[in-house]
Amino acid sequence: MSDFVHLHVHTQYSLLDGQASVEGLVDKAIADPGMPALAVTDHGNMFGIKEFFNYVKKKNGATKKALKEAQARLAEAEKAENTEEAASIRAEIEALRKKYVKPIFGCEVYVANEDLHARGDKSDKGRHLIVLAKNRTGYKNLIKIVSKAWTEGYYHHPRTDKHELAAHREGLIVCSACLGGEIPRLLSGGMDEQADKSVAWWKETFGDDYYIELQRHKATVPRANHETYQQQKAIEPKLIALARKYGIKIIASNDAHFVNESDAEAHDRLICLATNHYLNDEDRMLYTKQEWLKSSDEMSELFADLPEALSTTLEIADKVEEYDIDHAPIMPNFAIPESFGTEEEYRGRITEKELFDEFTRDEHGNVVLSQEDAEAKIAKLGGYEKLYRIKFEADYLRKITYEGAARRYPELTPEIRERIDFELHIMKTMGFPGYFLIVEDFIRVGRQELGVSIGPGPGTAPRDDRGYLQGLPPIDHRHK
């Protein structure tokens, strides 16, 4: 059996269409030794990408830790010349490596017939296209494409167009998609010549990063869509012929909308909700009920006659780089009165070492992080360039917080000061003092200048082990 990578996958973030949880998809991919990567390509959006990234990072982190421990045990076994134990550990290491899954970030976009701004054709709801980011540049370009599709191209669906795709093609991989894609639609409609011209355009624009996609959804139960497979079967030879003509590689996909075969009925009911139909309506929309995340063995059997369609998915996975999509919080600068000081003055008198200590220790100055973790935290906050601004805002927040506390309490007891200092330290070391300054400002204006009835301010957060609300402004800072 061949290894295989799913490149056309919908999660629950394909709203009222996908039934698969991110965790369920990832866990199934990890459990399949023949599946080294997994893509997420929700309809028109990238809502699930962060959850996907976080969960894969968590699972891969556990695998990396187990690998490191196994490699250490292997070194000991080899040093002791224990060949039997060493062989067992090598097998364990190989099994662990197969549990590592590379995440591929993508989207199944809707492509307008002409221009994304056009609204004249009521049928122009967009043609499907799978777009995958193969590196950080591609990820940023995909974000731009999807964002503009929502803000400027929305017409029934968030639509993009060929101009936008060509303008932001760097770092992107595109696949012709399902029967809803441009090429399959043209071929199904007997417009072979137009399909040929369009394939030529995609090849010229994206080169070796354009792929022809094949699907085989043969329904096996009575209450399912049996027409889809006949349509797929009818155009498959034409798709392959176009691929051969233009030197384009083909890939196999399964248009996954749920995790397991047994989830088909639950997904069927979801579609009833989406289309406002009863389950027993005769004329309602039906899927083939083949849209589960099939195993590498199942896909190998399904495309046994076209092994290249399987191996090409591995080629695409190899093209994709692993990159971190996390970044420091992006906050607007709050205008702090010049009478308090300036950021430039802070940069002149505070050293990077002082910043490092302040942001990596607790509110009492105790070291609580390893050097490695401390450096990672500084990087996550945006480095020293960003830390000077955070420090400046945090000090001003501290000033007005204690002013508010003096108005609220007749005496600032050690207990009150401890609470305030802890809460302020949490806000500062998370990089959010600017956020709380902004919220304080519009709450103040609303209450004092506009006469608007406003609650206590920012929402609650989980409590720490001492029972304090992490991230919540101390009550001392709230206005009467």
Protein backbone atom coordinates (compact mmCIF):
# COMPACT_ATOMS: atom_id res chain seq x y z
CA MET A 1 0.00 0.00 0.00
CA SER A 2 1.12 3.58 -0.73
CA ASP A 3 1.50 6.50 1.63
CA PHE A 4 -0.97 9.30 1.03
CA VAL A 5 -1.71 12.88 2.17
CA HIS A 6 -5.20 14.37 2.30
CA LEU A 7 -5.08 17.80 0.64
CA HIS A 8 -8.84 18.50 0.43
CA VAL A 9 -10.27 18.49 3.96
CA HIS A 10 -13.16 20.34 5.60
CA THR A 11 -13.54 20.84 9.34
CA GLN A 12 -16.48 22.12 11.35
CA TYR A 13 -15.33 25.58 10.30
CA SER A 14 -16.86 24.87 6.87
CA LEU A 15 -20.03 26.02 8.56
CA LEU A 16 -23.10 23.74 8.20
CA ASP A 17 -21.12 21.70 5.67
CA GLY A 18 -18.16 20.14 7.47
CA GLN A 19 -18.85 17.86 10.42
CA ALA A 20 -15.27 16.93 11.32
CA SER A 21 -13.55 18.27 14.42
CA VAL A 22 -9.96 19.43 14.06
CA GLU A 23 -8.84 17.10 16.84
CA GLY A 24 -10.61 14.13 15.29
CA LEU A 25 -8.97 14.70 11.90
CA VAL A 26 -5.49 15.18 13.34
CA ASP A 27 -5.76 12.20 15.68
CA LYS A 28 -6.82 9.96 12.78
CA ALA A 29 -3.94 11.17 10.62
CA ILE A 30 -1.47 10.56 13.45
CA ALA A 31 -2.82 7.04 13.94
CA ASP A 32 -2.23 6.25 10.24
CA PRO A 33 1.46 5.36 9.67
CA GLY A 34 1.02 6.03 5.96
CA MET A 35 -0.12 9.64 6.38
CA PRO A 36 2.84 11.99 7.03
CA ALA A 37 0.91 15.25 6.60
CA LEU A 38 -2.59 16.70 6.59
CA ALA A 39 -4.14 19.80 5.03
CA VAL A 40 -7.13 21.85 6.17
CA THR A 41 -9.04 23.55 3.35
CA ASP A 42 -12.31 24.93 4.65
CA HIS A 43 -14.84 26.54 2.33
CA GLY A 44 -13.96 30.20 1.80
CA ASN A 45 -12.36 30.74 5.21
CA MET A 46 -9.34 30.01 7.37
CA PHE A 47 -11.18 30.07 10.70
CA GLY A 48 -9.84 26.67 11.77
CA ILE A 49 -6.18 27.20 10.91
CA LYS A 50 -5.06 28.42 14.34
CA GLU A 51 -6.80 25.58 16.16
CA PHE A 52 -5.30 23.17 13.63
CA PHE A 53 -1.82 24.63 14.12
CA ASN A 54 -2.10 24.56 17.92
CA TYR A 55 -3.32 20.99 18.11
CA VAL A 56 -0.75 19.62 15.66
CA LYS A 57 1.98 21.49 17.54
CA LYS A 58 0.80 19.94 20.80
CA LYS A 59 0.70 16.40 19.42
CA ASN A 60 3.99 16.74 17.54
CA GLY A 61 5.59 18.19 20.67
CA ALA A 62 4.70 15.06 22.61
CA THR A 63 6.09 12.92 19.79
CA LYS A 64 9.33 14.90 19.69
CA LYS A 65 9.75 14.47 23.44
CA ALA A 66 9.18 10.72 23.18
CA LEU A 67 11.65 10.54 20.29
CA LYS A 68 14.31 12.37 22.27
CA GLU A 69 13.88 10.00 25.19
CA ALA A 70 13.98 6.95 22.91
CA GLN A 71 17.15 8.18 21.20
CA ALA A 72 18.80 8.64 24.59
CA ARG A 73 17.86 5.08 25.54
CA LEU A 74 19.18 3.85 22.19
CA ALA A 75 22.53 5.51 22.81
CA GLU A 76 22.76 3.77 26.19
CA ALA A 77 21.80 0.42 24.69
CA GLU A 78 24.42 0.75 21.94
CA LYS A 79 27.04 1.80 24.46
CA ALA A 80 26.24 -1.31 26.50
CA GLU A 81 26.31 -3.37 23.27
CA ASN A 82 22.80 -4.65 24.00
CA THR A 83 21.88 -5.43 20.40
CA GLU A 84 18.46 -6.88 21.16
CA GLU A 85 17.32 -3.86 23.17
CA ALA A 86 18.83 -1.49 20.59
CA ALA A 87 16.87 -3.17 17.81
CA SER A 88 13.66 -2.84 19.82
CA ILE A 89 14.30 0.85 20.47
CA ARG A 90 15.04 1.48 16.78
CA ALA A 91 11.65 -0.02 15.91
CA GLU A 92 10.07 2.21 18.54
CA ILE A 93 11.80 5.27 17.06
CA GLU A 94 10.60 4.39 13.57
CA ALA A 95 7.02 4.05 14.84
CA LEU A 96 7.26 7.40 16.62
CA ARG A 97 8.52 9.13 13.47
CA LYS A 98 5.42 7.92 11.66
CA LYS A 99 3.28 9.65 14.26
CA TYR A 100 4.68 13.03 13.29
CA VAL A 101 2.25 14.95 11.05
CA LYS A 102 3.14 18.02 9.02
CA PRO A 103 0.34 20.62 8.99
CA ILE A 104 -0.60 22.17 5.63
CA PHE A 105 -2.62 25.39 5.75
CA GLY A 106 -5.05 25.99 2.94
CA CYS A 107 -8.51 27.05 1.82
CA GLU A 108 -11.03 25.98 -0.78
CA VAL A 109 -11.70 29.40 -2.26
CA TYR A 110 -14.55 30.50 -4.51
CA VAL A 111 -13.30 31.99 -7.79
CA ALA A 112 -15.57 34.48 -9.59
CA ASN A 113 -16.11 33.97 -13.31
CA GLU A 114 -14.62 37.35 -14.14
CA ASP A 115 -14.05 40.00 -11.45
CA LEU A 116 -14.63 39.53 -7.72
CA HIS A 117 -16.47 42.89 -7.64
CA ALA A 118 -19.00 41.89 -10.34
CA ARG A 119 -22.57 41.35 -9.14
CA GLY A 120 -24.44 41.14 -12.45
CA ASP A 121 -24.57 37.36 -12.87
CA LYS A 122 -26.77 35.74 -10.21
CA SER A 123 -25.23 32.35 -10.98
CA ASP A 124 -21.66 33.56 -10.31
CA LYS A 125 -21.36 32.16 -6.81
CA GLY A 126 -17.75 31.20 -7.43
CA ARG A 127 -16.01 28.06 -8.65
CA HIS A 128 -14.05 25.97 -6.18
CA LEU A 129 -10.26 25.92 -6.09
CA ILE A 130 -7.94 24.33 -3.54
CA VAL A 131 -5.17 26.74 -2.50
CA LEU A 132 -2.36 25.59 -0.19
CA ALA A 133 0.40 27.66 1.41
CA LYS A 134 3.79 26.06 0.96
CA ASN A 135 5.69 28.58 3.09
CA ARG A 136 5.20 31.67 5.25
CA THR A 137 5.04 33.94 2.20
CA GLY A 138 2.32 31.77 0.72
CA TYR A 139 0.45 31.78 4.02
CA LYS A 140 0.43 35.58 4.10
CA ASN A 141 -0.66 35.73 0.46
CA LEU A 142 -3.47 33.28 1.13
CA ILE A 143 -4.63 35.42 4.05
CA LYS A 144 -4.74 38.44 1.73
CA ILE A 145 -6.73 36.53 -0.89
CA VAL A 146 -9.25 35.17 1.61
CA SER A 147 -9.62 38.49 3.45
CA LYS A 148 -10.31 40.42 0.25
CA ALA A 149 -12.76 37.73 -0.84
CA TRP A 150 -14.82 38.56 2.26
CA THR A 151 -14.42 42.34 2.31
CA GLU A 152 -14.77 43.04 -1.43
CA GLY A 153 -15.83 39.87 -3.24
CA TYR A 154 -18.72 38.60 -1.15
CA TYR A 155 -21.70 37.59 -3.31
CA HIS A 156 -23.46 34.49 -1.96
CA HIS A 157 -19.96 33.37 -0.98
CA PRO A 158 -16.64 35.14 -0.29
CA ARG A 159 -15.20 35.22 -3.82
CA THR A 160 -11.76 35.90 -5.23
CA ASP A 161 -10.75 35.98 -8.90
CA LYS A 162 -7.91 34.96 -11.18
CA HIS A 163 -6.34 38.41 -11.03
CA GLU A 164 -6.00 38.23 -7.25
CA LEU A 165 -4.68 34.68 -7.37
CA ALA A 166 -2.08 35.60 -9.98
CA ALA A 167 -1.06 38.76 -8.10
CA HIS A 168 -0.48 36.77 -4.88
CA ARG A 169 0.73 33.49 -6.36
CA GLU A 170 4.12 33.43 -4.65
CA GLY A 171 4.33 30.56 -2.19
CA LEU A 172 1.01 29.04 -3.23
CA ILE A 173 0.03 25.61 -4.57
CA VAL A 174 -3.31 25.25 -6.35
CA CYS A 175 -5.38 22.18 -7.24
CA SER A 176 -8.33 22.03 -9.64
CA ALA A 177 -10.73 20.89 -6.87
CA CYS A 178 -13.95 18.85 -7.04
CA LEU A 179 -16.85 18.89 -9.51
CA GLY A 180 -17.50 22.44 -8.32
CA GLY A 181 -14.14 23.59 -9.70
CA GLU A 182 -13.75 25.56 -12.92
CA ILE A 183 -12.16 22.81 -15.04
CA PRO A 184 -14.55 20.01 -13.94
CA ARG A 185 -17.52 22.33 -14.51
CA LEU A 186 -16.41 23.21 -18.02
CA LEU A 187 -15.76 19.57 -18.91
CA SER A 188 -19.09 18.46 -17.43
CA GLY A 189 -20.82 21.13 -19.53
CA GLY A 190 -19.18 19.95 -22.75
CA MET A 191 -16.97 23.06 -22.99
CA ASP A 192 -13.75 21.15 -23.56
CA GLU A 193 -12.04 23.90 -25.55
CA GLN A 194 -12.62 26.46 -22.79
CA ALA A 195 -11.37 23.96 -20.23
CA ASP A 196 -8.21 23.50 -22.29
CA LYS A 197 -7.57 27.24 -22.41
CA SER A 198 -8.18 27.60 -18.70
CA VAL A 199 -5.79 24.75 -17.84
CA ALA A 200 -3.17 26.44 -20.00
CA TRP A 201 -3.66 29.67 -18.01
CA TRP A 202 -3.32 27.93 -14.65
CA LYS A 203 -0.19 26.11 -15.80
CA GLU A 204 1.36 29.29 -17.17
CA THR A 205 0.53 31.21 -13.98
CA PHE A 206 1.47 28.65 -11.33
CA GLY A 207 3.87 26.38 -13.22
CA ASP A 208 4.69 23.17 -11.36
CA ASP A 209 2.58 24.34 -8.41
CA TYR A 210 -0.64 23.65 -10.32
CA TYR A 211 -2.17 20.18 -10.04
CA ILE A 212 -5.15 18.38 -11.57
CA GLU A 213 -7.31 16.80 -8.87
CA LEU A 214 -9.21 13.51 -9.20
CA GLN A 215 -11.96 12.23 -6.91
CA ARG A 216 -13.86 8.94 -6.82
CA HIS A 217 -16.90 9.05 -4.57
CA LYS A 218 -18.81 5.89 -5.41
CA ALA A 219 -21.89 5.72 -3.17
CA THR A 220 -22.50 2.32 -1.58
CA VAL A 221 -25.80 2.92 0.28
CA PRO A 222 -29.24 3.60 -1.21
CA ARG A 223 -29.95 6.96 0.43
CA ALA A 224 -26.96 8.79 -1.02
CA ASN A 225 -25.91 10.74 -4.12
CA HIS A 226 -25.17 8.16 -6.82
CA GLU A 227 -24.87 10.73 -9.63
CA THR A 228 -21.65 12.33 -8.37
CA TYR A 229 -19.52 9.28 -9.10
CA GLN A 230 -20.91 9.00 -12.63
CA GLN A 231 -19.99 12.63 -13.24
CA GLN A 232 -16.52 12.13 -11.77
CA LYS A 233 -16.05 9.01 -13.88
CA ALA A 234 -17.18 10.79 -17.06
CA ILE A 235 -14.67 13.65 -16.84
CA GLU A 236 -11.72 11.78 -15.32
CA PRO A 237 -10.25 10.70 -18.70
CA LYS A 238 -10.50 14.29 -19.92
CA LEU A 239 -8.79 15.62 -16.79
CA ILE A 240 -5.98 13.11 -17.18
CA ALA A 241 -5.63 13.97 -20.89
CA LEU A 242 -5.32 17.68 -20.10
CA ALA A 243 -2.76 16.90 -17.41
CA ARG A 244 -0.69 14.85 -19.88
CA LYS A 245 -0.97 17.54 -22.58
CA TYR A 246 0.39 20.32 -20.37
CA GLY A 247 2.78 18.29 -18.22
CA ILE A 248 0.69 18.72 -15.09
CA LYS A 249 0.80 16.16 -12.31
CA ILE A 250 -2.40 14.62 -10.97
CA ILE A 251 -3.41 14.11 -7.36
CA ALA A 252 -6.05 12.00 -5.66
CA SER A 253 -8.31 13.51 -3.01
CA ASN A 254 -11.45 12.53 -1.15
CA ASP A 255 -13.14 15.85 -0.25
CA ALA A 256 -13.36 14.93 3.42
CA HIS A 257 -16.25 16.44 5.41
CA PHE A 258 -16.32 14.05 8.38
CA VAL A 259 -13.80 11.88 10.18
CA ASN A 260 -15.09 8.32 10.01
CA GLU A 261 -17.43 6.39 7.73
CA SER A 262 -19.82 6.00 10.66
CA ASP A 263 -20.21 9.81 10.80
CA ALA A 264 -21.97 9.92 7.43
CA GLU A 265 -25.47 9.93 8.91
CA ALA A 266 -24.62 12.73 11.36
CA HIS A 267 -23.24 14.73 8.44
CA ASP A 268 -26.42 14.00 6.46
CA ARG A 269 -28.47 15.58 9.23
CA LEU A 270 -26.16 18.60 9.27
CA ILE A 271 -26.86 19.11 5.57
CA CYS A 272 -30.59 18.99 6.32
CA LEU A 273 -30.10 21.87 8.74
CA ALA A 274 -27.99 23.77 6.21
CA THR A 275 -30.54 23.42 3.41
CA ASN A 276 -33.68 23.73 5.57
CA HIS A 277 -35.02 20.29 4.65
CA TYR A 278 -36.47 17.35 6.55
CA LEU A 279 -34.57 14.08 6.59
CA ASN A 280 -37.31 12.28 4.63
CA ASP A 281 -37.66 14.95 1.91
CA GLU A 282 -37.23 13.24 -1.43
CA ASP A 283 -35.75 16.19 -3.32
CA ARG A 284 -33.19 17.32 -0.74
CA MET A 285 -29.42 17.57 -1.18
CA LEU A 286 -27.51 14.35 -0.63
CA TYR A 287 -23.79 13.66 -0.35
CA THR A 288 -22.29 10.38 -1.52
CA LYS A 289 -21.54 9.49 2.12
CA GLN A 290 -18.00 8.66 0.98
CA GLU A 291 -16.63 11.93 2.31
CA TRP A 292 -14.77 10.64 5.36
CA LEU A 293 -11.05 10.98 6.01
CA LYS A 294 -10.14 7.72 4.34
CA SER A 295 -7.03 5.91 5.48
CA SER A 296 -3.93 5.66 3.32
CA ASP A 297 -4.83 2.01 2.70
CA GLU A 298 -8.35 2.94 1.60
CA MET A 299 -7.02 5.60 -0.76
CA SER A 300 -4.39 3.20 -2.12
CA GLU A 301 -7.11 0.70 -2.93
CA LEU A 302 -9.34 3.37 -4.47
CA PHE A 303 -6.58 4.62 -6.79
CA ALA A 304 -4.68 1.37 -7.29
CA ASP A 305 -4.68 1.97 -11.06
CA LEU A 306 -3.18 5.48 -10.66
CA PRO A 307 -0.40 5.22 -8.06
CA GLU A 308 1.07 8.50 -9.31
CA ALA A 309 -2.04 10.31 -8.02
CA LEU A 310 -1.13 9.07 -4.54
CA SER A 311 2.61 9.71 -4.68
CA THR A 312 2.09 13.26 -5.95
CA THR A 313 0.32 14.13 -2.70
CA LEU A 314 3.58 13.25 -0.95
CA GLU A 315 5.46 15.49 -3.36
CA ILE A 316 3.20 18.39 -2.43
CA ALA A 317 3.68 17.68 1.27
CA ASP A 318 7.46 17.73 0.73
CA LYS A 319 7.16 21.13 -0.96
CA VAL A 320 5.45 22.57 2.10
CA GLU A 321 7.74 24.07 4.71
CA GLU A 322 7.00 23.93 8.41
CA TYR A 323 6.66 27.41 9.85
CA ASP A 324 5.26 29.08 12.94
CA ILE A 325 2.13 31.21 12.50
CA ASP A 326 2.24 32.62 16.04
CA HIS A 327 3.35 36.19 16.53
CA ALA A 328 3.51 38.82 19.22
CA PRO A 329 0.24 40.60 20.11
CA ILE A 330 -0.54 43.40 17.68
CA MET A 331 -1.83 46.37 19.63
CA PRO A 332 -2.24 50.05 18.72
CA ASN A 333 -0.10 52.43 20.76
CA PHE A 334 -2.07 54.16 23.49
CA ALA A 335 -1.35 57.89 23.65
CA ILE A 336 0.34 58.38 27.02
CA PRO A 337 0.59 61.97 28.33
CA GLU A 338 4.02 63.48 27.73
CA SER A 339 4.05 64.61 31.34
CA PHE A 340 4.50 60.96 32.31
CA GLY A 341 7.51 60.47 30.05
CA THR A 342 8.37 59.15 26.59
CA GLU A 343 9.24 55.81 25.08
CA GLU A 344 12.51 57.27 23.82
CA GLU A 345 13.47 58.22 27.38
CA TYR A 346 12.75 54.64 28.46
CA ARG A 347 15.00 53.29 25.72
CA GLY A 348 17.79 55.56 26.88
CA ARG A 349 17.82 54.59 30.54
CA ILE A 350 16.64 50.94 30.70
CA THR A 351 18.94 48.15 29.57
CA GLU A 352 17.89 44.98 27.79
CA LYS A 353 19.13 42.98 30.78
CA GLU A 354 16.77 44.90 33.06
CA LEU A 355 13.89 44.24 30.68
CA PHE A 356 14.78 40.55 30.49
CA ASP A 357 14.70 40.20 34.27
CA GLU A 358 11.48 42.15 34.67
CA PHE A 359 9.54 40.19 32.05
CA THR A 360 10.78 36.71 32.92
CA ARG A 361 10.52 36.81 36.71
CA ASP A 362 7.49 36.91 38.99
CA GLU A 363 6.16 40.09 40.60
CA HIS A 364 8.59 39.65 43.50
CA GLY A 365 11.65 39.37 41.26
CA ASN A 366 12.06 35.62 41.68
CA VAL A 367 13.44 33.57 38.78
CA VAL A 368 10.63 31.25 37.63
CA LEU A 369 11.72 30.28 34.10
CA SER A 370 14.67 28.44 32.64
CA GLN A 371 16.99 30.46 30.41
CA GLU A 372 15.57 28.74 27.33
CA ASP A 373 11.94 29.38 28.33
CA ALA A 374 12.74 32.96 29.31
CA GLU A 375 14.32 33.69 25.93
CA ALA A 376 11.34 32.09 24.19
CA LYS A 377 9.00 34.35 26.15
CA ILE A 378 10.93 37.47 25.17
CA ALA A 379 10.74 36.40 21.53
CA LYS A 380 7.00 35.68 21.75
CA LEU A 381 6.37 39.17 23.13
CA GLY A 382 8.10 40.66 20.09
CA GLY A 383 11.68 41.01 21.27
CA TYR A 384 13.27 43.97 23.02
CA GLU A 385 12.05 46.41 20.38
CA LYS A 386 8.48 45.66 21.49
CA LEU A 387 9.31 45.26 25.19
CA TYR A 388 10.25 48.91 25.62
CA ARG A 389 6.77 49.94 24.52
CA ILE A 390 5.09 47.34 26.73
CA LYS A 391 7.18 48.48 29.72
CA PHE A 392 6.27 52.13 29.06
CA GLU A 393 2.55 51.33 28.87
CA ALA A 394 2.72 49.01 31.90
CA ASP A 395 4.28 51.71 34.07
CA TYR A 396 1.59 54.21 33.09
CA LEU A 397 -1.10 51.60 33.76
CA ARG A 398 0.44 51.05 37.18
CA LYS A 399 0.33 54.78 37.90
CA ILE A 400 -3.37 55.23 37.12
CA THR A 401 -4.25 51.93 38.80
CA TYR A 402 -2.75 53.06 42.10
CA GLU A 403 -4.42 56.45 41.70
CA GLY A 404 -7.74 54.66 41.30
CA ALA A 405 -7.00 52.40 44.24
CA ALA A 406 -6.28 55.44 46.45
CA ARG A 407 -9.70 56.84 45.54
CA ARG A 408 -11.45 53.55 46.20
CA TYR A 409 -9.80 52.41 49.42
CA PRO A 410 -9.19 54.47 52.58
CA GLU A 411 -6.03 52.40 53.15
CA LEU A 412 -3.90 50.38 50.74
CA THR A 413 -3.20 47.33 52.86
CA PRO A 414 -0.40 44.86 52.02
CA GLU A 415 -3.07 42.43 50.83
CA ILE A 416 -4.55 44.98 48.38
CA ARG A 417 -1.08 45.93 47.12
CA GLU A 418 -0.22 42.27 46.58
CA ARG A 419 -3.37 41.78 44.54
CA ILE A 420 -2.73 44.88 42.45
CA ASP A 421 0.93 44.05 41.85
CA PHE A 422 0.10 40.51 40.80
CA GLU A 423 -2.63 41.55 38.39
CA LEU A 424 -0.47 44.29 36.85
CA HIS A 425 2.43 41.87 36.49
CA ILE A 426 0.22 39.39 34.62
CA MET A 427 -0.98 42.10 32.22
CA LYS A 428 2.55 43.33 31.61
CA THR A 429 4.22 39.96 31.07
CA MET A 430 1.42 38.85 28.73
CA GLY A 431 2.04 42.00 26.67
CA PHE A 432 -1.43 43.50 27.15
CA PRO A 433 -1.10 46.74 29.17
CA GLY A 434 -1.96 48.75 26.06
CA TYR A 435 -5.20 46.83 25.69
CA PHE A 436 -6.27 47.64 29.25
CA LEU A 437 -5.34 51.30 28.80
CA ILE A 438 -7.53 51.48 25.69
CA VAL A 439 -10.46 49.78 27.42
CA GLU A 440 -10.07 52.05 30.47
CA ASP A 441 -10.14 55.06 28.16
CA PHE A 442 -13.38 54.29 26.37
CA ILE A 443 -15.06 53.14 29.61
CA ARG A 444 -14.05 56.44 31.23
CA VAL A 445 -15.35 58.50 28.31
CA GLY A 446 -18.58 56.51 28.20
CA ARG A 447 -19.27 56.93 31.89
CA GLN A 448 -17.95 60.40 32.60
CA GLU A 449 -18.50 62.25 29.32
CA LEU A 450 -21.34 60.44 27.55
CA GLY A 451 -23.38 59.21 30.51
CA VAL A 452 -23.51 55.64 29.20
CA SER A 453 -24.24 52.83 31.65
CA ILE A 454 -21.23 50.47 31.44
CA GLY A 455 -20.31 47.33 33.33
CA PRO A 456 -17.01 46.62 35.11
CA GLY A 457 -14.86 46.56 31.96
CA PRO A 458 -12.96 43.68 30.34
CA GLY A 459 -14.36 40.20 30.80
CA THR A 460 -13.21 37.62 33.27
CA ALA A 461 -10.33 35.19 32.84
CA PRO A 462 -9.31 31.88 34.45
CA ARG A 463 -8.10 32.09 38.04
CA ASP A 464 -4.55 31.23 38.97
CA ASP A 465 -3.63 28.83 41.76
CA ARG A 466 -3.97 31.65 44.31
CA GLY A 467 -7.53 32.39 43.21
CA TYR A 468 -6.70 35.65 41.41
CA LEU A 469 -8.26 36.44 38.06
CA GLN A 470 -5.48 36.33 35.48
CA GLY A 471 -5.71 39.18 32.99
CA LEU A 472 -8.63 40.93 34.77
CA PRO A 473 -7.97 44.51 35.86
CA PRO A 474 -7.84 44.81 39.64
CA ILE A 475 -11.05 46.12 41.15
CA ASP A 476 -9.02 49.08 42.43
CA HIS A 477 -8.78 50.36 38.85
CA ARG A 478 -12.50 50.43 38.16
CA HIS A 479 -14.22 53.81 38.10
CA LYS A 480 -17.19 54.57 40.31
